Amino acid sequence: MANGRSRLQTLFVRPQLTRAVRFRMRLVPETHEVRVVEEGREVTRVGDPPRLKISGRYTRGPDRTVSRHDTIGRGADGRLEATETWRFDSAELRDPLRNAVLTAGWTWRSVVFGRL
């Protein structure tokens, strides 16, 4: 179990992770729609071993966050090149959910103001 825990910790408590995204969804059968609130929070790492702590910054509504990290090094030809080390795009979370809803014949309704 310790090995599995350390792999999860490496995955979820990476130094690059600065944002947590949550999709709250409600099915409305009468109108055949899915109402969706996208929420985002900034996160920081605290303690040793590090754990995530939610900061005060909060966003609500559709938002596209793209983060990437490149490593600079020398290529086979000796020239400098950038290699993408990791990438996060919030659309990679949202799009499969939205596509499943639309494929099922329902309406995807983003909610910014008001109740879910």
PDB file of N, CA and C in Angstrom:
ATOM      1  N   MET A   1       0.823  -1.208   0.000  1.00  0.00           N
ATOM      2  CA  MET A   1       0.000   0.000   0.000  1.00  0.00           C
ATOM      3  C   MET A   1       0.858   1.260   0.000  1.00  0.00           C
ATOM      4  N   ALA A   2       1.995   1.220   0.681  1.00  0.00           N
ATOM      5  CA  ALA A   2       2.837   2.409   0.740  1.00  0.00           C
ATOM      6  C   ALA A   2       3.303   2.818  -0.647  1.00  0.00           C
ATOM      7  N   ASN A   3       3.632   1.844  -1.493  1.00  0.00           N
ATOM      8  CA  ASN A   3       4.070   2.154  -2.847  1.00  0.00           C
ATOM      9  C   ASN A   3       2.937   2.796  -3.643  1.00  0.00           C
ATOM     10  N   GLY A   4       1.723   2.261  -3.526  1.00  0.00           N
ATOM     11  CA  GLY A   4       0.570   2.848  -4.212  1.00  0.00           C
ATOM     12  C   GLY A   4       0.277   4.254  -3.717  1.00  0.00           C
ATOM     13  N   ARG A   5       0.413   4.469  -2.426  1.00  0.00           N
ATOM     14  CA  ARG A   5       0.167   5.797  -1.853  1.00  0.00           C
ATOM     15  C   ARG A   5       1.189   6.802  -2.367  1.00  0.00           C
ATOM     16  N   SER A   6       2.463   6.394  -2.454  1.00  0.00           N
ATOM     17  CA  SER A   6       3.479   7.333  -2.925  1.00  0.00           C
ATOM     18  C   SER A   6       3.250   7.690  -4.392  1.00  0.00           C
ATOM     19  N   ARG A   7       2.760   6.742  -5.205  1.00  0.00           N
ATOM     20  CA  ARG A   7       2.454   7.053  -6.600  1.00  0.00           C
ATOM     21  C   ARG A   7       1.305   8.043  -6.689  1.00  0.00           C
ATOM     22  N   LEU A   8       0.275   7.849  -5.873  1.00  0.00           N
ATOM     23  CA  LEU A   8      -0.848   8.795  -5.865  1.00  0.00           C
ATOM     24  C   LEU A   8      -0.398  10.160  -5.379  1.00  0.00           C
ATOM     25  N   GLN A   9       0.436  10.176  -4.355  1.00  0.00           N
ATOM     26  CA  GLN A   9       0.913  11.453  -3.838  1.00  0.00           C
ATOM     27  C   GLN A   9       1.714  12.184  -4.906  1.00  0.00           C
ATOM     28  N   THR A  10       2.548  11.453  -5.651  1.00  0.00           N
ATOM     29  CA  THR A  10       3.317  12.068  -6.728  1.00  0.00           C
ATOM     30  C   THR A  10       2.386  12.642  -7.780  1.00  0.00           C
ATOM     31  N   LEU A  11       1.307  11.938  -8.073  1.00  0.00           N
ATOM     32  CA  LEU A  11       0.372  12.396  -9.095  1.00  0.00           C
ATOM     33  C   LEU A  11      -0.408  13.627  -8.655  1.00  0.00           C
ATOM     34  N   PHE A  12      -0.955  13.615  -7.443  1.00  0.00           N
ATOM     35  CA  PHE A  12      -1.862  14.671  -7.020  1.00  0.00           C
ATOM     36  C   PHE A  12      -1.205  15.833  -6.293  1.00  0.00           C
ATOM     37  N   VAL A  13      -0.011  15.675  -5.800  1.00  0.00           N
ATOM     38  CA  VAL A  13       0.638  16.748  -5.067  1.00  0.00           C
ATOM     39  C   VAL A  13       1.907  17.159  -5.814  1.00  0.00           C
ATOM     40  N   ARG A  14       1.788  17.325  -7.087  1.00  0.00           N
ATOM     41  CA  ARG A  14       2.919  17.744  -7.898  1.00  0.00           C
ATOM     42  C   ARG A  14       3.148  19.232  -7.706  1.00  0.00           C
ATOM     43  N   PRO A  15       4.375  19.670  -7.840  1.00  0.00           N
ATOM     44  CA  PRO A  15       4.663  21.095  -7.696  1.00  0.00           C
ATOM     45  C   PRO A  15       3.947  21.945  -8.738  1.00  0.00           C
ATOM     46  N   GLN A  16       3.600  21.370  -9.882  1.00  0.00           N
ATOM     47  CA  GLN A  16       2.977  22.135 -10.951  1.00  0.00           C
ATOM     48  C   GLN A  16       1.498  22.408 -10.697  1.00  0.00           C
ATOM     49  N   LEU A  17       0.858  21.616  -9.867  1.00  0.00           N
ATOM     50  CA  LEU A  17      -0.582  21.730  -9.657  1.00  0.00           C
ATOM     51  C   LEU A  17      -0.896  22.998  -8.875  1.00  0.00           C
ATOM     52  N   THR A  18      -1.637  23.918  -9.492  1.00  0.00           N
ATOM     53  CA  THR A  18      -1.976  25.178  -8.822  1.00  0.00           C
ATOM     54  C   THR A  18      -3.469  25.457  -8.857  1.00  0.00           C
ATOM     55  N   ARG A  19      -4.266  24.580  -9.473  1.00  0.00           N
ATOM     56  CA  ARG A  19      -5.681  24.845  -9.634  1.00  0.00           C
ATOM     57  C   ARG A  19      -6.477  23.557  -9.488  1.00  0.00           C
ATOM     58  N   ALA A  20      -7.590  23.626  -8.749  1.00  0.00           N
ATOM     59  CA  ALA A  20      -8.522  22.508  -8.626  1.00  0.00           C
ATOM     60  C   ALA A  20      -9.807  22.897  -9.353  1.00  0.00           C
ATOM     61  N   VAL A  21     -10.317  21.999 -10.176  1.00  0.00           N
ATOM     62  CA  VAL A  21     -11.522  22.263 -10.960  1.00  0.00           C
ATOM     63  C   VAL A  21     -12.584  21.240 -10.570  1.00  0.00           C
ATOM     64  N   ARG A  22     -13.828  21.725 -10.377  1.00  0.00           N
ATOM     65  CA  ARG A  22     -14.938  20.839 -10.037  1.00  0.00           C
ATOM     66  C   ARG A  22     -16.130  21.176 -10.917  1.00  0.00           C
ATOM     67  N   PHE A  23     -16.793  20.136 -11.418  1.00  0.00           N
ATOM     68  CA  PHE A  23     -18.009  20.298 -12.211  1.00  0.00           C
ATOM     69  C   PHE A  23     -19.167  19.751 -11.398  1.00  0.00           C
ATOM     70  N   ARG A  24     -20.123  20.601 -11.067  1.00  0.00           N
ATOM     71  CA  ARG A  24     -21.349  20.173 -10.398  1.00  0.00           C
ATOM     72  C   ARG A  24     -22.423  20.109 -11.464  1.00  0.00           C
ATOM     73  N   MET A  25     -23.107  18.970 -11.546  1.00  0.00           N
ATOM     74  CA  MET A  25     -24.077  18.761 -12.613  1.00  0.00           C
ATOM     75  C   MET A  25     -25.421  18.345 -12.012  1.00  0.00           C
ATOM     76  N   ARG A  26     -26.507  18.851 -12.636  1.00  0.00           N
ATOM     77  CA  ARG A  26     -27.857  18.469 -12.210  1.00  0.00           C
ATOM     78  C   ARG A  26     -28.670  18.130 -13.438  1.00  0.00           C
ATOM     79  N   LEU A  27     -29.296  16.966 -13.432  1.00  0.00           N
ATOM     80  CA  LEU A  27     -30.176  16.564 -14.524  1.00  0.00           C
ATOM     81  C   LEU A  27     -31.557  17.169 -14.319  1.00  0.00           C
ATOM     82  N   VAL A  28     -32.099  17.753 -15.391  1.00  0.00           N
ATOM     83  CA  VAL A  28     -33.451  18.308 -15.350  1.00  0.00           C
ATOM     84  C   VAL A  28     -34.263  17.553 -16.409  1.00  0.00           C
ATOM     85  N   PRO A  29     -34.928  16.450 -16.014  1.00  0.00           N
ATOM     86  CA  PRO A  29     -35.629  15.616 -16.992  1.00  0.00           C
ATOM     87  C   PRO A  29     -36.756  16.341 -17.728  1.00  0.00           C
ATOM     88  N   GLU A  30     -37.437  17.288 -17.046  1.00  0.00           N
ATOM     89  CA  GLU A  30     -38.560  17.990 -17.679  1.00  0.00           C
ATOM     90  C   GLU A  30     -38.139  18.733 -18.945  1.00  0.00           C
ATOM     91  N   THR A  31     -36.952  19.322 -18.927  1.00  0.00           N
ATOM     92  CA  THR A  31     -36.476  20.094 -20.083  1.00  0.00           C
ATOM     93  C   THR A  31     -35.374  19.362 -20.844  1.00  0.00           C
ATOM     94  N   HIS A  32     -35.065  18.140 -20.391  1.00  0.00           N
ATOM     95  CA  HIS A  32     -34.051  17.312 -21.046  1.00  0.00           C
ATOM     96  C   HIS A  32     -32.711  18.046 -21.135  1.00  0.00           C
ATOM     97  N   GLU A  33     -32.300  18.641 -20.009  1.00  0.00           N
ATOM     98  CA  GLU A  33     -31.037  19.367 -19.982  1.00  0.00           C
ATOM     99  C   GLU A  33     -30.217  18.988 -18.766  1.00  0.00           C
ATOM    100  N   VAL A  34     -28.924  19.241 -18.877  1.00  0.00           N
ATOM    101  CA  VAL A  34     -27.992  19.069 -17.770  1.00  0.00           C
ATOM    102  C   VAL A  34     -27.459  20.454 -17.444  1.00  0.00           C
ATOM    103  N   ARG A  35     -27.734  20.904 -16.228  1.00  0.00           N
ATOM    104  CA  ARG A  35     -27.244  22.214 -15.779  1.00  0.00           C
ATOM    105  C   ARG A  35     -25.903  21.988 -15.088  1.00  0.00           C
ATOM    106  N   VAL A  36     -24.918  22.810 -15.459  1.00  0.00           N
ATOM    107  CA  VAL A  36     -23.543  22.577 -15.011  1.00  0.00           C
ATOM    108  C   VAL A  36     -22.947  23.859 -14.441  1.00  0.00           C
ATOM    109  N   VAL A  37     -22.351  23.737 -13.275  1.00  0.00           N
ATOM    110  CA  VAL A  37     -21.570  24.826 -12.690  1.00  0.00           C
ATOM    111  C   VAL A  37     -20.127  24.355 -12.648  1.00  0.00           C
ATOM    112  N   GLU A  38     -19.253  25.141 -13.252  1.00  0.00           N
ATOM    113  CA  GLU A  38     -17.826  24.842 -13.198  1.00  0.00           C
ATOM    114  C   GLU A  38     -17.213  25.754 -12.148  1.00  0.00           C
ATOM    115  N   GLU A  39     -16.543  25.152 -11.182  1.00  0.00           N
ATOM    116  CA  GLU A  39     -15.920  25.911 -10.109  1.00  0.00           C
ATOM    117  C   GLU A  39     -14.417  25.670 -10.119  1.00  0.00           C
ATOM    118  N   GLY A  40     -13.680  26.701  -9.842  1.00  0.00           N
ATOM    119  CA  GLY A  40     -12.231  26.575  -9.786  1.00  0.00           C
ATOM    120  C   GLY A  40     -11.689  27.245  -8.544  1.00  0.00           C
ATOM    121  N   ARG A  41     -10.653  26.668  -7.996  1.00  0.00           N
ATOM    122  CA  ARG A  41      -9.978  27.235  -6.831  1.00  0.00           C
ATOM    123  C   ARG A  41      -8.482  27.105  -7.019  1.00  0.00           C
ATOM    124  N   GLU A  42      -7.770  28.105  -6.541  1.00  0.00           N
ATOM    125  CA  GLU A  42      -6.314  28.039  -6.531  1.00  0.00           C
ATOM    126  C   GLU A  42      -5.890  27.174  -5.351  1.00  0.00           C
ATOM    127  N   VAL A  43      -4.838  26.391  -5.529  1.00  0.00           N
ATOM    128  CA  VAL A  43      -4.341  25.542  -4.452  1.00  0.00           C
ATOM    129  C   VAL A  43      -2.846  25.791  -4.254  1.00  0.00           C
ATOM    130  N   THR A  44      -2.397  25.556  -3.041  1.00  0.00           N
ATOM    131  CA  THR A  44      -0.976  25.648  -2.717  1.00  0.00           C
ATOM    132  C   THR A  44      -0.593  24.383  -1.955  1.00  0.00           C
ATOM    133  N   ARG A  45       0.679  24.138  -1.825  1.00  0.00           N
ATOM    134  CA  ARG A  45       1.169  22.998  -1.088  1.00  0.00           C
ATOM    135  C   ARG A  45       1.717  23.469   0.259  1.00  0.00           C
ATOM    136  N   VAL A  46       1.377  22.738   1.309  1.00  0.00           N
ATOM    137  CA  VAL A  46       1.865  23.060   2.654  1.00  0.00           C
ATOM    138  C   VAL A  46       2.303  21.775   3.338  1.00  0.00           C
ATOM    139  N   GLY A  47       3.215  21.917   4.301  1.00  0.00           N
ATOM    140  CA  GLY A  47       3.618  20.795   5.135  1.00  0.00           C
ATOM    141  C   GLY A  47       4.648  19.890   4.495  1.00  0.00           C
ATOM    142  N   ASP A  48       5.062  18.898   5.304  1.00  0.00           N
ATOM    143  CA  ASP A  48       5.998  17.901   4.842  1.00  0.00           C
ATOM    144  C   ASP A  48       5.578  16.568   5.444  1.00  0.00           C
ATOM    145  N   PRO A  49       5.062  15.614   4.729  1.00  0.00           N
ATOM    146  CA  PRO A  49       4.939  15.625   3.276  1.00  0.00           C
ATOM    147  C   PRO A  49       3.908  16.653   2.821  1.00  0.00           C
ATOM    148  N   PRO A  50       4.110  17.181   1.615  1.00  0.00           N
ATOM    149  CA  PRO A  50       3.219  18.249   1.165  1.00  0.00           C
ATOM    150  C   PRO A  50       1.795  17.751   0.925  1.00  0.00           C
ATOM    151  N   ARG A  51       0.846  18.623   1.223  1.00  0.00           N
ATOM    152  CA  ARG A  51      -0.564  18.347   0.930  1.00  0.00           C
ATOM    153  C   ARG A  51      -1.149  19.615   0.324  1.00  0.00           C
ATOM    154  N   LEU A  52      -2.234  19.459  -0.383  1.00  0.00           N
ATOM    155  CA  LEU A  52      -2.850  20.602  -1.044  1.00  0.00           C
ATOM    156  C   LEU A  52      -3.706  21.391  -0.069  1.00  0.00           C
ATOM    157  N   LYS A  53      -3.646  22.700  -0.176  1.00  0.00           N
ATOM    158  CA  LYS A  53      -4.473  23.587   0.634  1.00  0.00           C
ATOM    159  C   LYS A  53      -5.194  24.532  -0.321  1.00  0.00           C
ATOM    160  N   ILE A  54      -6.504  24.650  -0.150  1.00  0.00           N
ATOM    161  CA  ILE A  54      -7.312  25.534  -0.986  1.00  0.00           C
ATOM    162  C   ILE A  54      -7.057  26.973  -0.560  1.00  0.00           C
ATOM    163  N   SER A  55      -6.776  27.842  -1.527  1.00  0.00           N
ATOM    164  CA  SER A  55      -6.558  29.251  -1.206  1.00  0.00           C
ATOM    165  C   SER A  55      -7.881  30.013  -1.326  1.00  0.00           C
ATOM    166  N   GLY A  56      -7.846  31.309  -1.174  1.00  0.00           N
ATOM    167  CA  GLY A  56      -9.053  32.118  -1.186  1.00  0.00           C
ATOM    168  C   GLY A  56      -9.606  32.435  -2.562  1.00  0.00           C
ATOM    169  N   ARG A  57      -8.847  32.242  -3.635  1.00  0.00           N
ATOM    170  CA  ARG A  57      -9.321  32.610  -4.969  1.00  0.00           C
ATOM    171  C   ARG A  57     -10.292  31.570  -5.492  1.00  0.00           C
ATOM    172  N   TYR A  58     -11.483  32.032  -5.904  1.00  0.00           N
ATOM    173  CA  TYR A  58     -12.567  31.158  -6.350  1.00  0.00           C
ATOM    174  C   TYR A  58     -13.129  31.698  -7.651  1.00  0.00           C
ATOM    175  N   THR A  59     -13.373  30.824  -8.621  1.00  0.00           N
ATOM    176  CA  THR A  59     -14.031  31.227  -9.861  1.00  0.00           C
ATOM    177  C   THR A  59     -15.242  30.342 -10.074  1.00  0.00           C
ATOM    178  N   ARG A  60     -16.225  30.908 -10.756  1.00  0.00           N
ATOM    179  CA  ARG A  60     -17.449  30.163 -11.057  1.00  0.00           C
ATOM    180  C   ARG A  60     -17.834  30.476 -12.485  1.00  0.00           C
ATOM    181  N   GLY A  61     -18.168  29.445 -13.234  1.00  0.00           N
ATOM    182  CA  GLY A  61     -18.566  29.613 -14.621  1.00  0.00           C
ATOM    183  C   GLY A  61     -17.529  29.013 -15.557  1.00  0.00           C
ATOM    184  N   PRO A  62     -17.878  28.916 -16.819  1.00  0.00           N
ATOM    185  CA  PRO A  62     -16.950  28.326 -17.792  1.00  0.00           C
ATOM    186  C   PRO A  62     -15.628  29.081 -17.812  1.00  0.00           C
ATOM    187  N   ASP A  63     -14.556  28.328 -17.738  1.00  0.00           N
ATOM    188  CA  ASP A  63     -13.228  28.917 -17.703  1.00  0.00           C
ATOM    189  C   ASP A  63     -12.280  27.945 -18.376  1.00  0.00           C
ATOM    190  N   ARG A  64     -11.370  28.457 -19.141  1.00  0.00           N
ATOM    191  CA  ARG A  64     -10.391  27.590 -19.789  1.00  0.00           C
ATOM    192  C   ARG A  64      -9.034  27.893 -19.197  1.00  0.00           C
ATOM    193  N   THR A  65      -8.475  26.901 -18.556  1.00  0.00           N
ATOM    194  CA  THR A  65      -7.158  27.009 -17.970  1.00  0.00           C
ATOM    195  C   THR A  65      -6.224  26.085 -18.732  1.00  0.00           C
ATOM    196  N   VAL A  66      -5.152  26.629 -19.244  1.00  0.00           N
ATOM    197  CA  VAL A  66      -4.137  25.825 -19.915  1.00  0.00           C
ATOM    198  C   VAL A  66      -2.807  26.112 -19.223  1.00  0.00           C
ATOM    199  N   SER A  67      -2.207  25.073 -18.696  1.00  0.00           N
ATOM    200  CA  SER A  67      -0.901  25.188 -18.053  1.00  0.00           C
ATOM    201  C   SER A  67       0.017  24.175 -18.699  1.00  0.00           C
ATOM    202  N   ARG A  68       1.266  24.555 -18.854  1.00  0.00           N
ATOM    203  CA  ARG A  68       2.227  23.625 -19.422  1.00  0.00           C
ATOM    204  C   ARG A  68       3.602  23.917 -18.849  1.00  0.00           C
ATOM    205  N   HIS A  69       4.437  22.911 -18.898  1.00  0.00           N
ATOM    206  CA  HIS A  69       5.803  23.054 -18.431  1.00  0.00           C
ATOM    207  C   HIS A  69       6.716  22.446 -19.476  1.00  0.00           C
ATOM    208  N   ASP A  70       7.684  23.213 -19.921  1.00  0.00           N
ATOM    209  CA  ASP A  70       8.653  22.749 -20.905  1.00  0.00           C
ATOM    210  C   ASP A  70      10.022  22.640 -20.253  1.00  0.00           C
ATOM    211  N   THR A  71      10.793  21.699 -20.721  1.00  0.00           N
ATOM    212  CA  THR A  71      12.171  21.534 -20.296  1.00  0.00           C
ATOM    213  C   THR A  71      13.067  21.892 -21.466  1.00  0.00           C
ATOM    214  N   ILE A  72      14.040  22.755 -21.220  1.00  0.00           N
ATOM    215  CA  ILE A  72      14.974  23.170 -22.259  1.00  0.00           C
ATOM    216  C   ILE A  72      16.181  22.240 -22.225  1.00  0.00           C
ATOM    217  N   GLY A  73      16.579  21.758 -23.383  1.00  0.00           N
ATOM    218  CA  GLY A  73      17.741  20.879 -23.473  1.00  0.00           C
ATOM    219  C   GLY A  73      18.299  20.893 -24.884  1.00  0.00           C
ATOM    220  N   ARG A  74      19.326  20.151 -25.088  1.00  0.00           N
ATOM    221  CA  ARG A  74      19.957  20.058 -26.403  1.00  0.00           C
ATOM    222  C   ARG A  74      19.394  18.850 -27.141  1.00  0.00           C
ATOM    223  N   GLY A  75      19.054  19.056 -28.394  1.00  0.00           N
ATOM    224  CA  GLY A  75      18.557  17.982 -29.228  1.00  0.00           C
ATOM    225  C   GLY A  75      19.696  17.152 -29.793  1.00  0.00           C
ATOM    226  N   ALA A  76      19.356  16.178 -30.635  1.00  0.00           N
ATOM    227  CA  ALA A  76      20.348  15.294 -31.245  1.00  0.00           C
ATOM    228  C   ALA A  76      21.348  16.072 -32.096  1.00  0.00           C
ATOM    229  N   ASP A  77      20.878  17.191 -32.671  1.00  0.00           N
ATOM    230  CA  ASP A  77      21.770  17.994 -33.511  1.00  0.00           C
ATOM    231  C   ASP A  77      22.560  19.034 -32.712  1.00  0.00           C
ATOM    232  N   GLY A  78      22.415  19.039 -31.383  1.00  0.00           N
ATOM    233  CA  GLY A  78      23.162  19.958 -30.544  1.00  0.00           C
ATOM    234  C   GLY A  78      22.504  21.310 -30.330  1.00  0.00           C
ATOM    235  N   ARG A  79      21.370  21.540 -31.003  1.00  0.00           N
ATOM    236  CA  ARG A  79      20.675  22.830 -30.850  1.00  0.00           C
ATOM    237  C   ARG A  79      19.726  22.776 -29.653  1.00  0.00           C
ATOM    238  N   LEU A  80      19.457  23.947 -29.076  1.00  0.00           N
ATOM    239  CA  LEU A  80      18.519  24.029 -27.964  1.00  0.00           C
ATOM    240  C   LEU A  80      17.110  23.731 -28.456  1.00  0.00           C
ATOM    241  N   GLU A  81      16.364  23.002 -27.645  1.00  0.00           N
ATOM    242  CA  GLU A  81      14.967  22.725 -27.968  1.00  0.00           C
ATOM    243  C   GLU A  81      14.166  22.612 -26.678  1.00  0.00           C
ATOM    244  N   ALA A  82      12.887  22.877 -26.803  1.00  0.00           N
ATOM    245  CA  ALA A  82      11.982  22.775 -25.663  1.00  0.00           C
ATOM    246  C   ALA A  82      11.170  21.488 -25.807  1.00  0.00           C
ATOM    247  N   THR A  83      11.108  20.717 -24.730  1.00  0.00           N
ATOM    248  CA  THR A  83      10.330  19.488 -24.708  1.00  0.00           C
ATOM    249  C   THR A  83       9.236  19.645 -23.662  1.00  0.00           C
ATOM    250  N   GLU A  84       7.984  19.403 -24.055  1.00  0.00           N
ATOM    251  CA  GLU A  84       6.879  19.525 -23.114  1.00  0.00           C
ATOM    252  C   GLU A  84       6.965  18.411 -22.081  1.00  0.00           C
ATOM    253  N   THR A  85       7.045  18.811 -20.799  1.00  0.00           N
ATOM    254  CA  THR A  85       7.156  17.861 -19.703  1.00  0.00           C
ATOM    255  C   THR A  85       5.782  17.445 -19.199  1.00  0.00           C
ATOM    256  N   TRP A  86       4.893  18.394 -19.038  1.00  0.00           N
ATOM    257  CA  TRP A  86       3.514  18.108 -18.645  1.00  0.00           C
ATOM    258  C   TRP A  86       2.621  19.214 -19.141  1.00  0.00           C
ATOM    259  N   ARG A  87       1.318  18.915 -19.204  1.00  0.00           N
ATOM    260  CA  ARG A  87       0.337  19.867 -19.710  1.00  0.00           C
ATOM    261  C   ARG A  87      -0.996  19.603 -19.018  1.00  0.00           C
ATOM    262  N   PHE A  88      -1.709  20.682 -18.712  1.00  0.00           N
ATOM    263  CA  PHE A  88      -3.068  20.579 -18.185  1.00  0.00           C
ATOM    264  C   PHE A  88      -3.947  21.541 -18.960  1.00  0.00           C
ATOM    265  N   ASP A  89      -5.056  21.045 -19.449  1.00  0.00           N
ATOM    266  CA  ASP A  89      -6.039  21.859 -20.157  1.00  0.00           C
ATOM    267  C   ASP A  89      -7.399  21.499 -19.596  1.00  0.00           C
ATOM    268  N   SER A  90      -8.093  22.463 -18.987  1.00  0.00           N
ATOM    269  CA  SER A  90      -9.380  22.165 -18.363  1.00  0.00           C
ATOM    270  C   SER A  90     -10.400  21.664 -19.376  1.00  0.00           C
ATOM    271  N   ALA A  91     -10.220  21.983 -20.653  1.00  0.00           N
ATOM    272  CA  ALA A  91     -11.127  21.472 -21.680  1.00  0.00           C
ATOM    273  C   ALA A  91     -11.057  19.951 -21.770  1.00  0.00           C
ATOM    274  N   GLU A  92      -9.927  19.364 -21.394  1.00  0.00           N
ATOM    275  CA  GLU A  92      -9.811  17.910 -21.408  1.00  0.00           C
ATOM    276  C   GLU A  92     -10.696  17.261 -20.351  1.00  0.00           C
ATOM    277  N   LEU A  93     -11.111  18.021 -19.363  1.00  0.00           N
ATOM    278  CA  LEU A  93     -12.066  17.535 -18.370  1.00  0.00           C
ATOM    279  C   LEU A  93     -13.501  17.812 -18.809  1.00  0.00           C
ATOM    280  N   ARG A  94     -13.746  19.014 -19.297  1.00  0.00           N
ATOM    281  CA  ARG A  94     -15.092  19.450 -19.640  1.00  0.00           C
ATOM    282  C   ARG A  94     -15.624  18.794 -20.916  1.00  0.00           C
ATOM    283  N   ASP A  95     -14.808  18.737 -21.949  1.00  0.00           N
ATOM    284  CA  ASP A  95     -15.287  18.275 -23.260  1.00  0.00           C
ATOM    285  C   ASP A  95     -15.859  16.857 -23.249  1.00  0.00           C
ATOM    286  N   PRO A  96     -15.224  15.861 -22.608  1.00  0.00           N
ATOM    287  CA  PRO A  96     -15.837  14.527 -22.584  1.00  0.00           C
ATOM    288  C   PRO A  96     -17.189  14.502 -21.867  1.00  0.00           C
ATOM    289  N   LEU A  97     -17.322  15.291 -20.795  1.00  0.00           N
ATOM    290  CA  LEU A  97     -18.615  15.371 -20.101  1.00  0.00           C
ATOM    291  C   LEU A  97     -19.674  15.974 -21.010  1.00  0.00           C
ATOM    292  N   ARG A  98     -19.339  17.113 -21.623  1.00  0.00           N
ATOM    293  CA  ARG A  98     -20.284  17.790 -22.512  1.00  0.00           C
ATOM    294  C   ARG A  98     -20.646  16.901 -23.704  1.00  0.00           C
ATOM    295  N   ASN A  99     -19.660  16.237 -24.290  1.00  0.00           N
ATOM    296  CA  ASN A  99     -19.928  15.378 -25.444  1.00  0.00           C
ATOM    297  C   ASN A  99     -20.840  14.215 -25.088  1.00  0.00           C
ATOM    298  N   ALA A 100     -20.671  13.634 -23.901  1.00  0.00           N
ATOM    299  CA  ALA A 100     -21.551  12.545 -23.464  1.00  0.00           C
ATOM    300  C   ALA A 100     -22.982  13.028 -23.313  1.00  0.00           C
ATOM    301  N   VAL A 101     -23.146  14.228 -22.765  1.00  0.00           N
ATOM    302  CA  VAL A 101     -24.492  14.806 -22.592  1.00  0.00           C
ATOM    303  C   VAL A 101     -25.138  15.063 -23.956  1.00  0.00           C
ATOM    304  N   LEU A 102     -24.390  15.695 -24.859  1.00  0.00           N
ATOM    305  CA  LEU A 102     -24.939  16.031 -26.170  1.00  0.00           C
ATOM    306  C   LEU A 102     -25.207  14.784 -27.005  1.00  0.00           C
ATOM    307  N   THR A 103     -24.349  13.782 -26.926  1.00  0.00           N
ATOM    308  CA  THR A 103     -24.549  12.531 -27.664  1.00  0.00           C
ATOM    309  C   THR A 103     -25.810  11.819 -27.201  1.00  0.00           C
ATOM    310  N   ALA A 104     -26.128  11.954 -25.928  1.00  0.00           N
ATOM    311  CA  ALA A 104     -27.342  11.338 -25.377  1.00  0.00           C
ATOM    312  C   ALA A 104     -28.600  12.118 -25.743  1.00  0.00           C
ATOM    313  N   GLY A 105     -28.430  13.243 -26.438  1.00  0.00           N
ATOM    314  CA  GLY A 105     -29.594  14.020 -26.866  1.00  0.00           C
ATOM    315  C   GLY A 105     -30.075  15.043 -25.855  1.00  0.00           C
ATOM    316  N   TRP A 106     -29.280  15.308 -24.840  1.00  0.00           N
ATOM    317  CA  TRP A 106     -29.635  16.296 -23.831  1.00  0.00           C
ATOM    318  C   TRP A 106     -28.977  17.622 -24.164  1.00  0.00           C
ATOM    319  N   THR A 107     -29.402  18.686 -23.469  1.00  0.00           N
ATOM    320  CA  THR A 107     -28.823  20.016 -23.644  1.00  0.00           C
ATOM    321  C   THR A 107     -27.848  20.278 -22.502  1.00  0.00           C
ATOM    322  N   TRP A 108     -26.688  20.811 -22.836  1.00  0.00           N
ATOM    323  CA  TRP A 108     -25.671  21.189 -21.840  1.00  0.00           C
ATOM    324  C   TRP A 108     -25.892  22.658 -21.534  1.00  0.00           C
ATOM    325  N   ARG A 109     -26.217  23.009 -20.298  1.00  0.00           N
ATOM    326  CA  ARG A 109     -26.497  24.394 -19.932  1.00  0.00           C
ATOM    327  C   ARG A 109     -25.532  24.835 -18.836  1.00  0.00           C
ATOM    328  N   SER A 110     -24.589  25.704 -19.186  1.00  0.00           N
ATOM    329  CA  SER A 110     -23.660  26.247 -18.193  1.00  0.00           C
ATOM    330  C   SER A 110     -24.375  27.290 -17.349  1.00  0.00           C
ATOM    331  N   VAL A 111     -24.157  27.231 -16.054  1.00  0.00           N
ATOM    332  CA  VAL A 111     -24.789  28.150 -15.121  1.00  0.00           C
ATOM    333  C   VAL A 111     -23.685  29.012 -14.486  1.00  0.00           C
ATOM    334  N   VAL A 112     -23.820  30.314 -14.605  1.00  0.00           N
ATOM    335  CA  VAL A 112     -22.875  31.226 -13.953  1.00  0.00           C
ATOM    336  C   VAL A 112     -23.541  31.887 -12.770  1.00  0.00           C
ATOM    337  N   PHE A 113     -24.738  32.426 -12.982  1.00  0.00           N
ATOM    338  CA  PHE A 113     -25.502  33.073 -11.910  1.00  0.00           C
ATOM    339  C   PHE A 113     -26.735  32.247 -11.607  1.00  0.00           C
ATOM    340  N   GLY A 114     -27.211  32.329 -10.398  1.00  0.00           N
ATOM    341  CA  GLY A 114     -28.413  31.619 -10.032  1.00  0.00           C
ATOM    342  C   GLY A 114     -28.108  30.240  -9.488  1.00  0.00           C
ATOM    343  N   ARG A 115     -29.172  29.458  -9.352  1.00  0.00           N
ATOM    344  CA  ARG A 115     -29.060  28.131  -8.759  1.00  0.00           C
ATOM    345  C   ARG A 115     -28.784  27.084  -9.813  1.00  0.00           C
ATOM    346  N   LEU A 116     -28.134  26.049  -9.374  1.00  0.00           N
ATOM    347  CA  LEU A 116     -27.843  24.921 -10.244  1.00  0.00           C
ATOM    348  C   LEU A 116     -29.138  24.221 -10.558  1.00  0.00           C
TER     349      LEU A 116
END
